[in-house]
Amino acid sequence: MGKLSTHVLDTMHGVPAQGVHIDLYLVQDGQRQLLGHATTNHDGRCDQPLLHGPAFVSGVYELVFHAGDYFAGRGVQVPEPRFVDEVALRFGVADAAQSYHVPLLVTPWTWSTYRGS
């Protein structure tokens, strides 16, 4: 059985991003359905998969990372409105029997992602 997981790396400070709040949505017919929330631990990861087992199905998902709040909590001074605030990653899961790892590399000015293993 597949699963969905993530982690967040603070590439400004060169550390795992601890305490980033994440919202997970399922997107159907253009509408988002909130499936849950998570917060990253000391290693920038969630303590358990975001989805696994029968709850993890093929479809379109969106992860929303509250990166701006994380950097503000670290005391990073950036102009308002924040250039990078909430990072929304919308992606498709074609085969829910596989594992999907969706990491976020982020600074207050840029972000990137990839499908990890």
PDB file of N, CA and C in Angstrom:
ATOM      1  N   MET A   1       0.833  -1.194   0.000  1.00  0.00           N
ATOM      2  CA  MET A   1       0.000   0.000   0.000  1.00  0.00           C
ATOM      3  C   MET A   1       0.864   1.239   0.000  1.00  0.00           C
ATOM      4  N   GLY A   2       0.422   2.239  -0.725  1.00  0.00           N
ATOM      5  CA  GLY A   2       1.146   3.484  -0.820  1.00  0.00           C
ATOM      6  C   GLY A   2       0.862   4.409   0.349  1.00  0.00           C
ATOM      7  N   LYS A   3       1.581   5.515   0.332  1.00  0.00           N
ATOM      8  CA  LYS A   3       1.386   6.536   1.366  1.00  0.00           C
ATOM      9  C   LYS A   3       1.829   7.875   0.813  1.00  0.00           C
ATOM     10  N   LEU A   4       1.418   8.930   1.487  1.00  0.00           N
ATOM     11  CA  LEU A   4       1.817  10.289   1.165  1.00  0.00           C
ATOM     12  C   LEU A   4       2.585  10.855   2.346  1.00  0.00           C
ATOM     13  N   SER A   5       3.785  11.375   2.078  1.00  0.00           N
ATOM     14  CA  SER A   5       4.600  11.974   3.136  1.00  0.00           C
ATOM     15  C   SER A   5       5.265  13.238   2.607  1.00  0.00           C
ATOM     16  N   THR A   6       5.833  14.018   3.533  1.00  0.00           N
ATOM     17  CA  THR A   6       6.501  15.254   3.171  1.00  0.00           C
ATOM     18  C   THR A   6       7.580  15.571   4.183  1.00  0.00           C
ATOM     19  N   HIS A   7       8.425  16.503   3.843  1.00  0.00           N
ATOM     20  CA  HIS A   7       9.313  17.148   4.804  1.00  0.00           C
ATOM     21  C   HIS A   7       9.653  18.526   4.271  1.00  0.00           C
ATOM     22  N   VAL A   8      10.117  19.395   5.182  1.00  0.00           N
ATOM     23  CA  VAL A   8      10.399  20.776   4.827  1.00  0.00           C
ATOM     24  C   VAL A   8      11.829  21.098   5.233  1.00  0.00           C
ATOM     25  N   LEU A   9      12.581  21.666   4.282  1.00  0.00           N
ATOM     26  CA  LEU A   9      13.948  22.095   4.550  1.00  0.00           C
ATOM     27  C   LEU A   9      14.035  23.611   4.426  1.00  0.00           C
ATOM     28  N   ASP A  10      14.558  24.251   5.455  1.00  0.00           N
ATOM     29  CA  ASP A  10      14.789  25.693   5.486  1.00  0.00           C
ATOM     30  C   ASP A  10      16.162  25.922   4.868  1.00  0.00           C
ATOM     31  N   THR A  11      16.185  26.270   3.579  1.00  0.00           N
ATOM     32  CA  THR A  11      17.466  26.422   2.901  1.00  0.00           C
ATOM     33  C   THR A  11      18.109  27.779   3.167  1.00  0.00           C
ATOM     34  N   MET A  12      17.389  28.685   3.816  1.00  0.00           N
ATOM     35  CA  MET A  12      17.999  29.946   4.235  1.00  0.00           C
ATOM     36  C   MET A  12      18.980  29.699   5.376  1.00  0.00           C
ATOM     37  N   HIS A  13      18.559  28.876   6.327  1.00  0.00           N
ATOM     38  CA  HIS A  13      19.373  28.589   7.508  1.00  0.00           C
ATOM     39  C   HIS A  13      20.116  27.262   7.412  1.00  0.00           C
ATOM     40  N   GLY A  14      19.799  26.457   6.395  1.00  0.00           N
ATOM     41  CA  GLY A  14      20.463  25.165   6.223  1.00  0.00           C
ATOM     42  C   GLY A  14      20.064  24.134   7.256  1.00  0.00           C
ATOM     43  N   VAL A  15      18.773  24.142   7.643  1.00  0.00           N
ATOM     44  CA  VAL A  15      18.291  23.228   8.681  1.00  0.00           C
ATOM     45  C   VAL A  15      16.925  22.657   8.290  1.00  0.00           C
ATOM     46  N   PRO A  16      16.545  21.532   8.899  1.00  0.00           N
ATOM     47  CA  PRO A  16      15.158  21.089   8.753  1.00  0.00           C
ATOM     48  C   PRO A  16      14.238  22.145   9.375  1.00  0.00           C
ATOM     49  N   ALA A  17      13.088  22.365   8.771  1.00  0.00           N
ATOM     50  CA  ALA A  17      12.146  23.385   9.252  1.00  0.00           C
ATOM     51  C   ALA A  17      11.189  22.765  10.261  1.00  0.00           C
ATOM     52  N   GLN A  18      11.437  23.031  11.523  1.00  0.00           N
ATOM     53  CA  GLN A  18      10.590  22.511  12.603  1.00  0.00           C
ATOM     54  C   GLN A  18       9.438  23.467  12.867  1.00  0.00           C
ATOM     55  N   GLY A  19       8.238  22.911  13.021  1.00  0.00           N
ATOM     56  CA  GLY A  19       7.073  23.704  13.396  1.00  0.00           C
ATOM     57  C   GLY A  19       6.306  24.314  12.237  1.00  0.00           C
ATOM     58  N   VAL A  20       6.520  23.813  11.024  1.00  0.00           N
ATOM     59  CA  VAL A  20       5.751  24.315   9.878  1.00  0.00           C
ATOM     60  C   VAL A  20       4.378  23.645   9.884  1.00  0.00           C
ATOM     61  N   HIS A  21       3.342  24.467   9.860  1.00  0.00           N
ATOM     62  CA  HIS A  21       1.978  23.936   9.794  1.00  0.00           C
ATOM     63  C   HIS A  21       1.638  23.636   8.339  1.00  0.00           C
ATOM     64  N   ILE A  22       0.980  22.492   8.135  1.00  0.00           N
ATOM     65  CA  ILE A  22       0.649  22.007   6.793  1.00  0.00           C
ATOM     66  C   ILE A  22      -0.828  21.626   6.767  1.00  0.00           C
ATOM     67  N   ASP A  23      -1.515  22.040   5.710  1.00  0.00           N
ATOM     68  CA  ASP A  23      -2.900  21.624   5.472  1.00  0.00           C
ATOM     69  C   ASP A  23      -2.904  20.710   4.256  1.00  0.00           C
ATOM     70  N   LEU A  24      -3.696  19.658   4.311  1.00  0.00           N
ATOM     71  CA  LEU A  24      -3.815  18.707   3.206  1.00  0.00           C
ATOM     72  C   LEU A  24      -5.247  18.716   2.691  1.00  0.00           C
ATOM     73  N   TYR A  25      -5.367  18.868   1.370  1.00  0.00           N
ATOM     74  CA  TYR A  25      -6.672  18.887   0.713  1.00  0.00           C
ATOM     75  C   TYR A  25      -6.730  17.842  -0.387  1.00  0.00           C
ATOM     76  N   LEU A  26      -7.919  17.320  -0.614  1.00  0.00           N
ATOM     77  CA  LEU A  26      -8.242  16.561  -1.807  1.00  0.00           C
ATOM     78  C   LEU A  26      -8.988  17.520  -2.724  1.00  0.00           C
ATOM     79  N   VAL A  27      -8.632  17.562  -4.011  1.00  0.00           N
ATOM     80  CA  VAL A  27      -9.257  18.478  -4.962  1.00  0.00           C
ATOM     81  C   VAL A  27     -10.102  17.666  -5.932  1.00  0.00           C
ATOM     82  N   GLN A  28     -11.406  17.944  -5.937  1.00  0.00           N
ATOM     83  CA  GLN A  28     -12.323  17.260  -6.843  1.00  0.00           C
ATOM     84  C   GLN A  28     -13.247  18.289  -7.473  1.00  0.00           C
ATOM     85  N   ASP A  29     -13.353  18.247  -8.786  1.00  0.00           N
ATOM     86  CA  ASP A  29     -14.209  19.185  -9.518  1.00  0.00           C
ATOM     87  C   ASP A  29     -13.900  20.634  -9.162  1.00  0.00           C
ATOM     88  N   GLY A  30     -12.618  20.937  -8.964  1.00  0.00           N
ATOM     89  CA  GLY A  30     -12.194  22.298  -8.654  1.00  0.00           C
ATOM     90  C   GLY A  30     -12.426  22.735  -7.224  1.00  0.00           C
ATOM     91  N   GLN A  31     -12.976  21.862  -6.408  1.00  0.00           N
ATOM     92  CA  GLN A  31     -13.257  22.184  -5.009  1.00  0.00           C
ATOM     93  C   GLN A  31     -12.275  21.468  -4.091  1.00  0.00           C
ATOM     94  N   ARG A  32     -11.786  22.185  -3.071  1.00  0.00           N
ATOM     95  CA  ARG A  32     -10.863  21.580  -2.107  1.00  0.00           C
ATOM     96  C   ARG A  32     -11.634  21.060  -0.899  1.00  0.00           C
ATOM     97  N   GLN A  33     -11.300  19.833  -0.508  1.00  0.00           N
ATOM     98  CA  GLN A  33     -11.873  19.230   0.694  1.00  0.00           C
ATOM     99  C   GLN A  33     -10.732  19.022   1.682  1.00  0.00           C
ATOM    100  N   LEU A  34     -10.791  19.675   2.831  1.00  0.00           N
ATOM    101  CA  LEU A  34      -9.743  19.548   3.840  1.00  0.00           C
ATOM    102  C   LEU A  34      -9.735  18.131   4.405  1.00  0.00           C
ATOM    103  N   LEU A  35      -8.568  17.494   4.315  1.00  0.00           N
ATOM    104  CA  LEU A  35      -8.425  16.135   4.854  1.00  0.00           C
ATOM    105  C   LEU A  35      -7.724  16.126   6.214  1.00  0.00           C
ATOM    106  N   GLY A  36      -6.924  17.152   6.483  1.00  0.00           N
ATOM    107  CA  GLY A  36      -6.238  17.159   7.767  1.00  0.00           C
ATOM    108  C   GLY A  36      -5.135  18.195   7.833  1.00  0.00           C
ATOM    109  N   HIS A  37      -4.526  18.241   9.009  1.00  0.00           N
ATOM    110  CA  HIS A  37      -3.435  19.165   9.305  1.00  0.00           C
ATOM    111  C   HIS A  37      -2.263  18.361   9.867  1.00  0.00           C
ATOM    112  N   ALA A  38      -1.087  18.929   9.739  1.00  0.00           N
ATOM    113  CA  ALA A  38       0.110  18.336  10.343  1.00  0.00           C
ATOM    114  C   ALA A  38       1.072  19.465  10.675  1.00  0.00           C
ATOM    115  N   THR A  39       2.046  19.159  11.514  1.00  0.00           N
ATOM    116  CA  THR A  39       3.109  20.095  11.862  1.00  0.00           C
ATOM    117  C   THR A  39       4.425  19.333  11.821  1.00  0.00           C
ATOM    118  N   THR A  40       5.444  19.951  11.229  1.00  0.00           N
ATOM    119  CA  THR A  40       6.728  19.262  11.111  1.00  0.00           C
ATOM    120  C   THR A  40       7.435  19.174  12.461  1.00  0.00           C
ATOM    121  N   ASN A  41       8.177  18.100  12.646  1.00  0.00           N
ATOM    122  CA  ASN A  41       8.917  17.852  13.883  1.00  0.00           C
ATOM    123  C   ASN A  41      10.337  18.424  13.780  1.00  0.00           C
ATOM    124  N   HIS A  42      11.199  18.052  14.717  1.00  0.00           N
ATOM    125  CA  HIS A  42      12.570  18.578  14.772  1.00  0.00           C
ATOM    126  C   HIS A  42      13.388  18.238  13.527  1.00  0.00           C
ATOM    127  N   ASP A  43      12.969  17.209  12.783  1.00  0.00           N
ATOM    128  CA  ASP A  43      13.676  16.789  11.577  1.00  0.00           C
ATOM    129  C   ASP A  43      13.010  17.343  10.312  1.00  0.00           C
ATOM    130  N   GLY A  44      12.039  18.255  10.478  1.00  0.00           N
ATOM    131  CA  GLY A  44      11.334  18.822   9.340  1.00  0.00           C
ATOM    132  C   GLY A  44      10.334  17.875   8.704  1.00  0.00           C
ATOM    133  N   ARG A  45      10.061  16.760   9.375  1.00  0.00           N
ATOM    134  CA  ARG A  45       9.147  15.742   8.848  1.00  0.00           C
ATOM    135  C   ARG A  45       7.907  15.661   9.726  1.00  0.00           C
ATOM    136  N   CYS A  46       6.897  15.002   9.223  1.00  0.00           N
ATOM    137  CA  CYS A  46       5.708  14.722  10.023  1.00  0.00           C
ATOM    138  C   CYS A  46       5.918  13.386  10.727  1.00  0.00           C
ATOM    139  N   ASP A  47       5.352  13.245  11.901  1.00  0.00           N
ATOM    140  CA  ASP A  47       5.575  12.032  12.691  1.00  0.00           C
ATOM    141  C   ASP A  47       4.958  10.783  12.074  1.00  0.00           C
ATOM    142  N   GLN A  48       4.017  10.973  11.175  1.00  0.00           N
ATOM    143  CA  GLN A  48       3.390   9.845  10.497  1.00  0.00           C
ATOM    144  C   GLN A  48       3.021  10.274   9.079  1.00  0.00           C
ATOM    145  N   PRO A  49       2.734   9.332   8.193  1.00  0.00           N
ATOM    146  CA  PRO A  49       2.327   9.717   6.836  1.00  0.00           C
ATOM    147  C   PRO A  49       1.092  10.621   6.869  1.00  0.00           C
ATOM    148  N   LEU A  50       1.004  11.513   5.910  1.00  0.00           N
ATOM    149  CA  LEU A  50      -0.172  12.378   5.815  1.00  0.00           C
ATOM    150  C   LEU A  50      -1.404  11.572   5.426  1.00  0.00           C
ATOM    151  N   LEU A  51      -1.207  10.580   4.565  1.00  0.00           N
ATOM    152  CA  LEU A  51      -2.265   9.647   4.171  1.00  0.00           C
ATOM    153  C   LEU A  51      -1.636   8.290   3.925  1.00  0.00           C
ATOM    154  N   HIS A  52      -2.376   7.252   4.243  1.00  0.00           N
ATOM    155  CA  HIS A  52      -1.936   5.886   3.953  1.00  0.00           C
ATOM    156  C   HIS A  52      -3.135   4.968   4.025  1.00  0.00           C
ATOM    157  N   GLY A  53      -2.949   3.759   3.571  1.00  0.00           N
ATOM    158  CA  GLY A  53      -4.029   2.779   3.610  1.00  0.00           C
ATOM    159  C   GLY A  53      -5.176   3.173   2.701  1.00  0.00           C
ATOM    160  N   PRO A  54      -6.393   2.784   3.064  1.00  0.00           N
ATOM    161  CA  PRO A  54      -7.550   3.030   2.193  1.00  0.00           C
ATOM    162  C   PRO A  54      -7.873   4.518   2.007  1.00  0.00           C
ATOM    163  N   ALA A  55      -7.397   5.373   2.897  1.00  0.00           N
ATOM    164  CA  ALA A  55      -7.644   6.817   2.766  1.00  0.00           C
ATOM    165  C   ALA A  55      -6.835   7.434   1.631  1.00  0.00           C
ATOM    166  N   PHE A  56      -5.763   6.755   1.208  1.00  0.00           N
ATOM    167  CA  PHE A  56      -4.903   7.271   0.150  1.00  0.00           C
ATOM    168  C   PHE A  56      -5.379   6.711  -1.177  1.00  0.00           C
ATOM    169  N   VAL A  57      -6.004   7.567  -1.979  1.00  0.00           N
ATOM    170  CA  VAL A  57      -6.579   7.150  -3.260  1.00  0.00           C
ATOM    171  C   VAL A  57      -5.981   7.994  -4.384  1.00  0.00           C
ATOM    172  N   SER A  58      -6.119   7.517  -5.593  1.00  0.00           N
ATOM    173  CA  SER A  58      -5.685   8.294  -6.754  1.00  0.00           C
ATOM    174  C   SER A  58      -6.515   9.567  -6.846  1.00  0.00           C
ATOM    175  N   GLY A  59      -5.873  10.628  -7.297  1.00  0.00           N
ATOM    176  CA  GLY A  59      -6.587  11.885  -7.442  1.00  0.00           C
ATOM    177  C   GLY A  59      -5.640  13.058  -7.364  1.00  0.00           C
ATOM    178  N   VAL A  60      -6.210  14.237  -7.207  1.00  0.00           N
ATOM    179  CA  VAL A  60      -5.450  15.474  -7.114  1.00  0.00           C
ATOM    180  C   VAL A  60      -5.476  15.947  -5.664  1.00  0.00           C
ATOM    181  N   TYR A  61      -4.291  16.271  -5.166  1.00  0.00           N
ATOM    182  CA  TYR A  61      -4.137  16.728  -3.786  1.00  0.00           C
ATOM    183  C   TYR A  61      -3.468  18.092  -3.768  1.00  0.00           C
ATOM    184  N   GLU A  62      -3.622  18.781  -2.658  1.00  0.00           N
ATOM    185  CA  GLU A  62      -2.924  20.045  -2.456  1.00  0.00           C
ATOM    186  C   GLU A  62      -2.385  20.082  -1.033  1.00  0.00           C
ATOM    187  N   LEU A  63      -1.103  20.381  -0.920  1.00  0.00           N
ATOM    188  CA  LEU A  63      -0.469  20.629   0.366  1.00  0.00           C
ATOM    189  C   LEU A  63      -0.250  22.131   0.478  1.00  0.00           C
ATOM    190  N   VAL A  64      -0.651  22.710   1.594  1.00  0.00           N
ATOM    191  CA  VAL A  64      -0.424  24.133   1.841  1.00  0.00           C
ATOM    192  C   VAL A  64       0.508  24.233   3.047  1.00  0.00           C
ATOM    193  N   PHE A  65       1.714  24.745   2.796  1.00  0.00           N
ATOM    194  CA  PHE A  65       2.735  24.917   3.823  1.00  0.00           C
ATOM    195  C   PHE A  65       2.709  26.367   4.291  1.00  0.00           C
ATOM    196  N   HIS A  66       2.609  26.598   5.583  1.00  0.00           N
ATOM    197  CA  HIS A  66       2.557  27.953   6.138  1.00  0.00           C
ATOM    198  C   HIS A  66       3.980  28.436   6.415  1.00  0.00           C
ATOM    199  N   ALA A  67       4.710  28.640   5.318  1.00  0.00           N
ATOM    200  CA  ALA A  67       6.130  28.986   5.394  1.00  0.00           C
ATOM    201  C   ALA A  67       6.363  30.386   5.948  1.00  0.00           C
ATOM    202  N   GLY A  68       5.534  31.335   5.580  1.00  0.00           N
ATOM    203  CA  GLY A  68       5.693  32.702   6.074  1.00  0.00           C
ATOM    204  C   GLY A  68       5.612  32.781   7.582  1.00  0.00           C
ATOM    205  N   ASP A  69       4.676  32.055   8.172  1.00  0.00           N
ATOM    206  CA  ASP A  69       4.556  32.024   9.629  1.00  0.00           C
ATOM    207  C   ASP A  69       5.787  31.379  10.260  1.00  0.00           C
ATOM    208  N   TYR A  70       6.305  30.353   9.606  1.00  0.00           N
ATOM    209  CA  TYR A  70       7.516  29.699  10.114  1.00  0.00           C
ATOM    210  C   TYR A  70       8.675  30.693  10.166  1.00  0.00           C
ATOM    211  N   PHE A  71       8.924  31.413   9.069  1.00  0.00           N
ATOM    212  CA  PHE A  71      10.048  32.356   9.052  1.00  0.00           C
ATOM    213  C   PHE A  71       9.817  33.515  10.014  1.00  0.00           C
ATOM    214  N   ALA A  72       8.592  33.987  10.136  1.00  0.00           N
ATOM    215  CA  ALA A  72       8.296  35.040  11.112  1.00  0.00           C
ATOM    216  C   ALA A  72       8.607  34.547  12.521  1.00  0.00           C
ATOM    217  N   GLY A  73       8.273  33.295  12.802  1.00  0.00           N
ATOM    218  CA  GLY A  73       8.565  32.702  14.111  1.00  0.00           C
ATOM    219  C   GLY A  73      10.050  32.581  14.387  1.00  0.00           C
ATOM    220  N   ARG A  74      10.840  32.537  13.335  1.00  0.00           N
ATOM    221  CA  ARG A  74      12.306  32.496  13.480  1.00  0.00           C
ATOM    222  C   ARG A  74      12.904  33.892  13.549  1.00  0.00           C
ATOM    223  N   GLY A  75      12.054  34.912  13.460  1.00  0.00           N
ATOM    224  CA  GLY A  75      12.529  36.278  13.556  1.00  0.00           C
ATOM    225  C   GLY A  75      13.075  36.864  12.268  1.00  0.00           C
ATOM    226  N   VAL A  76      12.806  36.216  11.141  1.00  0.00           N
ATOM    227  CA  VAL A  76      13.271  36.731   9.856  1.00  0.00           C
ATOM    228  C   VAL A  76      12.433  37.954   9.502  1.00  0.00           C
ATOM    229  N   GLN A  77      13.113  39.073   9.247  1.00  0.00           N
ATOM    230  CA  GLN A  77      12.437  40.311   8.881  1.00  0.00           C
ATOM    231  C   GLN A  77      12.263  40.367   7.370  1.00  0.00           C
ATOM    232  N   VAL A  78      11.026  40.375   6.916  1.00  0.00           N
ATOM    233  CA  VAL A  78      10.729  40.502   5.494  1.00  0.00           C
ATOM    234  C   VAL A  78       9.626  41.547   5.335  1.00  0.00           C
ATOM    235  N   PRO A  79       9.590  42.215   4.176  1.00  0.00           N
ATOM    236  CA  PRO A  79       8.540  43.212   3.961  1.00  0.00           C
ATOM    237  C   PRO A  79       7.163  42.559   3.930  1.00  0.00           C
ATOM    238  N   GLU A  80       6.153  43.347   4.269  1.00  0.00           N
ATOM    239  CA  GLU A  80       4.760  42.894   4.153  1.00  0.00           C
ATOM    240  C   GLU A  80       4.153  43.515   2.917  1.00  0.00           C
ATOM    241  N   PRO A  81       3.384  42.835   2.127  1.00  0.00           N
ATOM    242  CA  PRO A  81       3.076  41.423   2.315  1.00  0.00           C
ATOM    243  C   PRO A  81       4.289  40.547   2.009  1.00  0.00           C
ATOM    244  N   ARG A  82       4.285  39.377   2.616  1.00  0.00           N
ATOM    245  CA  ARG A  82       5.393  38.435   2.440  1.00  0.00           C
ATOM    246  C   ARG A  82       5.466  37.963   0.992  1.00  0.00           C
ATOM    247  N   PHE A  83       6.687  37.862   0.470  1.00  0.00           N
ATOM    248  CA  PHE A  83       6.862  37.349  -0.890  1.00  0.00           C
ATOM    249  C   PHE A  83       6.483  35.863  -0.938  1.00  0.00           C
ATOM    250  N   VAL A  84       7.013  35.054  -0.026  1.00  0.00           N
ATOM    251  CA  VAL A  84       6.600  33.656   0.128  1.00  0.00           C
ATOM    252  C   VAL A  84       5.864  33.569   1.451  1.00  0.00           C
ATOM    253  N   ASP A  85       4.595  33.210   1.383  1.00  0.00           N
ATOM    254  CA  ASP A  85       3.787  33.108   2.600  1.00  0.00           C
ATOM    255  C   ASP A  85       3.247  31.690   2.704  1.00  0.00           C
ATOM    256  N   GLU A  86       2.100  31.428   2.113  1.00  0.00           N
ATOM    257  CA  GLU A  86       1.568  30.068   2.060  1.00  0.00           C
ATOM    258  C   GLU A  86       1.984  29.454   0.727  1.00  0.00           C
ATOM    259  N   VAL A  87       2.678  28.340   0.785  1.00  0.00           N
ATOM    260  CA  VAL A  87       3.104  27.645  -0.424  1.00  0.00           C
ATOM    261  C   VAL A  87       2.102  26.525  -0.693  1.00  0.00           C
ATOM    262  N   ALA A  88       1.380  26.634  -1.800  1.00  0.00           N
ATOM    263  CA  ALA A  88       0.375  25.634  -2.171  1.00  0.00           C
ATOM    264  C   ALA A  88       0.943  24.764  -3.292  1.00  0.00           C
ATOM    265  N   LEU A  89       1.064  23.487  -3.021  1.00  0.00           N
ATOM    266  CA  LEU A  89       1.556  22.528  -4.010  1.00  0.00           C
ATOM    267  C   LEU A  89       0.406  21.619  -4.409  1.00  0.00           C
ATOM    268  N   ARG A  90      -0.030  21.725  -5.646  1.00  0.00           N
ATOM    269  CA  ARG A  90      -1.091  20.858  -6.163  1.00  0.00           C
ATOM    270  C   ARG A  90      -0.433  19.813  -7.050  1.00  0.00           C
ATOM    271  N   PHE A  91      -0.750  18.563  -6.820  1.00  0.00           N
ATOM    272  CA  PHE A  91      -0.101  17.470  -7.542  1.00  0.00           C
ATOM    273  C   PHE A  91      -1.071  16.308  -7.692  1.00  0.00           C
ATOM    274  N   GLY A  92      -0.764  15.453  -8.654  1.00  0.00           N
ATOM    275  CA  GLY A  92      -1.618  14.306  -8.923  1.00  0.00           C
ATOM    276  C   GLY A  92      -1.004  13.004  -8.449  1.00  0.00           C
ATOM    277  N   VAL A  93      -1.855  12.140  -7.970  1.00  0.00           N
ATOM    278  CA  VAL A  93      -1.471  10.781  -7.574  1.00  0.00           C
ATOM    279  C   VAL A  93      -2.153   9.835  -8.555  1.00  0.00           C
ATOM    280  N   ALA A  94      -1.348   9.255  -9.438  1.00  0.00           N
ATOM    281  CA  ALA A  94      -1.892   8.362 -10.456  1.00  0.00           C
ATOM    282  C   ALA A  94      -2.072   6.942  -9.930  1.00  0.00           C
ATOM    283  N   ASP A  95      -1.190   6.521  -9.028  1.00  0.00           N
ATOM    284  CA  ASP A  95      -1.203   5.145  -8.529  1.00  0.00           C
ATOM    285  C   ASP A  95      -1.038   5.165  -7.014  1.00  0.00           C
ATOM    286  N   ALA A  96      -2.131   5.047  -6.293  1.00  0.00           N
ATOM    287  CA  ALA A  96      -2.104   5.121  -4.835  1.00  0.00           C
ATOM    288  C   ALA A  96      -1.444   3.904  -4.194  1.00  0.00           C
ATOM    289  N   ALA A  97      -1.066   2.917  -4.985  1.00  0.00           N
ATOM    290  CA  ALA A  97      -0.312   1.779  -4.436  1.00  0.00           C
ATOM    291  C   ALA A  97       1.162   2.146  -4.260  1.00  0.00           C
ATOM    292  N   GLN A  98       1.583   3.244  -4.874  1.00  0.00           N
ATOM    293  CA  GLN A  98       2.964   3.713  -4.722  1.00  0.00           C
ATOM    294  C   GLN A  98       3.047   4.731  -3.593  1.00  0.00           C
ATOM    295  N   SER A  99       4.261   4.968  -3.135  1.00  0.00           N
ATOM    296  CA  SER A  99       4.481   6.010  -2.134  1.00  0.00           C
ATOM    297  C   SER A  99       4.847   7.310  -2.834  1.00  0.00           C
ATOM    298  N   TYR A 100       4.272   8.387  -2.363  1.00  0.00           N
ATOM    299  CA  TYR A 100       4.544   9.730  -2.875  1.00  0.00           C
ATOM    300  C   TYR A 100       5.123  10.558  -1.737  1.00  0.00           C
ATOM    301  N   HIS A 101       6.342  11.029  -1.935  1.00  0.00           N
ATOM    302  CA  HIS A 101       6.998  11.903  -0.955  1.00  0.00           C
ATOM    303  C   HIS A 101       7.155  13.259  -1.630  1.00  0.00           C
ATOM    304  N   VAL A 102       6.586  14.301  -1.028  1.00  0.00           N
ATOM    305  CA  VAL A 102       6.550  15.629  -1.635  1.00  0.00           C
ATOM    306  C   VAL A 102       7.246  16.610  -0.687  1.00  0.00           C
ATOM    307  N   PRO A 103       8.565  16.776  -0.829  1.00  0.00           N
ATOM    308  CA  PRO A 103       9.294  17.683   0.045  1.00  0.00           C
ATOM    309  C   PRO A 103       9.201  19.138  -0.427  1.00  0.00           C
ATOM    310  N   LEU A 104       9.456  20.049   0.501  1.00  0.00           N
ATOM    311  CA  LEU A 104       9.506  21.473   0.194  1.00  0.00           C
ATOM    312  C   LEU A 104      10.839  22.024   0.657  1.00  0.00           C
ATOM    313  N   LEU A 105      11.555  22.688  -0.252  1.00  0.00           N
ATOM    314  CA  LEU A 105      12.765  23.434   0.072  1.00  0.00           C
ATOM    315  C   LEU A 105      12.370  24.898  -0.016  1.00  0.00           C
ATOM    316  N   VAL A 106      12.607  25.671   1.054  1.00  0.00           N
ATOM    317  CA  VAL A 106      12.000  27.000   1.104  1.00  0.00           C
ATOM    318  C   VAL A 106      12.894  28.031   1.785  1.00  0.00           C
ATOM    319  N   THR A 107      12.811  29.259   1.296  1.00  0.00           N
ATOM    320  CA  THR A 107      13.368  30.450   1.937  1.00  0.00           C
ATOM    321  C   THR A 107      12.245  31.489   1.928  1.00  0.00           C
ATOM    322  N   PRO A 108      12.462  32.666   2.507  1.00  0.00           N
ATOM    323  CA  PRO A 108      11.427  33.701   2.421  1.00  0.00           C
ATOM    324  C   PRO A 108      11.231  34.253   1.003  1.00  0.00           C
ATOM    325  N   TRP A 109      12.111  33.862   0.047  1.00  0.00           N
ATOM    326  CA  TRP A 109      12.048  34.430  -1.299  1.00  0.00           C
ATOM    327  C   TRP A 109      11.893  33.403  -2.413  1.00  0.00           C
ATOM    328  N   THR A 110      11.995  32.125  -2.101  1.00  0.00           N
ATOM    329  CA  THR A 110      11.867  31.111  -3.151  1.00  0.00           C
ATOM    330  C   THR A 110      11.501  29.768  -2.526  1.00  0.00           C
ATOM    331  N   TRP A 111      11.005  28.863  -3.375  1.00  0.00           N
ATOM    332  CA  TRP A 111      10.741  27.499  -2.928  1.00  0.00           C
ATOM    333  C   TRP A 111      10.828  26.570  -4.133  1.00  0.00           C
ATOM    334  N   SER A 112      11.031  25.294  -3.834  1.00  0.00           N
ATOM    335  CA  SER A 112      11.018  24.280  -4.873  1.00  0.00           C
ATOM    336  C   SER A 112      10.566  22.959  -4.264  1.00  0.00           C
ATOM    337  N   THR A 113      10.187  22.051  -5.144  1.00  0.00           N
ATOM    338  CA  THR A 113       9.735  20.731  -4.718  1.00  0.00           C
ATOM    339  C   THR A 113      10.123  19.716  -5.775  1.00  0.00           C
ATOM    340  N   TYR A 114       9.917  18.471  -5.461  1.00  0.00           N
ATOM    341  CA  TYR A 114      10.154  17.380  -6.391  1.00  0.00           C
ATOM    342  C   TYR A 114       9.430  16.165  -5.834  1.00  0.00           C
ATOM    343  N   ARG A 115       9.308  15.128  -6.627  1.00  0.00           N
ATOM    344  CA  ARG A 115       8.757  13.875  -6.108  1.00  0.00           C
ATOM    345  C   ARG A 115       9.916  13.057  -5.573  1.00  0.00           C
ATOM    346  N   GLY A 116       9.969  12.922  -4.277  1.00  0.00           N
ATOM    347  CA  GLY A 116      11.027  12.168  -3.637  1.00  0.00           C
ATOM    348  C   GLY A 116      10.661  10.705  -3.488  1.00  0.00           C
ATOM    349  N   SER A 117      11.530   9.982  -2.797  1.00  0.00           N
ATOM    350  CA  SER A 117      11.292   8.555  -2.604  1.00  0.00           C
ATOM    351  C   SER A 117      11.040   8.244  -1.141  1.00  0.00           C
TER     352      SER A 117
END
